Amino acid sequence: MKNYPDFVLTTSGRFTSDGAGVRLKRILPIFKNYREIFEVNPFLLLDEFKSENENDYRNGFPLHPHKGFQTITYMKWGSFEHKDSLGNSGIIKEGGIQWMVAGSGLQHSEMPIINQDKRIWGYQLWFNLPKQYKYVDPYYKNIQKEELPLLNLKEGIIKILFGKTNYSEEKGIQNPYWKLNYYDVTIYPEQSLYFNHQVIDIEDWIICYVYQNEIHLNIKLNHKETFYKLVENQLILLEKGNILEIKNLSDKPSQFLFLNSTKLNEPIVRYGPFVMNTEKEILEAIHQFS
């Protein structure tokens, strides 16, 4: 049975800074009020950093700890160099991904490599670990763009970062800890894409974030089926669906990030770079890196 997803909310990215003064746009988390977060577990944080001014990012993210979750950094322009306390190092280049499982804890740095054209553009996702995997050994992998499937369809282009689609047998990175589909999508003018039950389940959170132009999504709003318009710099959160139709009704290509995952119904306690299940575990993490 086809179930178009229910509307939950929309939000927009907001400018802030992090690391050593890196200017970025914070898309997730979503705040219900000044302090209280609307949790979309396992999606913890989504940042966009995009600039052609090296002063916005040149000082990068010096050595800092993480514990209890995964970081996934996707570069569209430019490069970052990763180094960590386990001795891993690598350069994430344009079109590639850095996947780090913080697990039981490590320290790392992410520093930009300033190219001749000075521009940089990427996204960092914090993706939670279930309770049973909070203390796995930390892990790091660098995945270059040539290793990621790129589906050229008549309707558009789907770059599969994690998971799979209903358009091909090809798969992106497979997350062994919790379901994750994560795509970078282009829809050509006056075309539509469908993601069906092979991708989306009734128990999932579904996220679309538009970074160029606009899209229309077939959803349920106030118990009525409708096409909802999502514009540039807007994120939509959906649930309780197993099919999603996405249209580009304009005369220009539209681009967006698509993410979905099974809801993770476990407690979240956040403190800066640590995400655990209890306050006691947070205190242990603070002590571990003090």
Foldseek 3Di string as FASTA:
>chain_A
DFAFWAFDDKDFWDWDADAPQAIKTWRDDDAPDDPHTPDQPQWGTKIKHKDQACVNDQNFHPKDKFFFWKKKKAWQAFKKWKAWPVGDIDIAHHQKMKIKGQAQMIIMTIGTDQDPSSITIMMMIIGGFAQVRRHPDMDIDIGHNVQWDWDQDPQWIKTWQAADFPPDPDGHHYDPGFDKTKIKIKGAAFGKDKGFQVRDDQQKKKKKAWADAKKWKFHAYPNDTDTDIDGHRMMTITHRGGMMMIGHHDNGMTIIMIMMTGGRPAAWDDDVNYIHRDVVVVVVVVVVVD
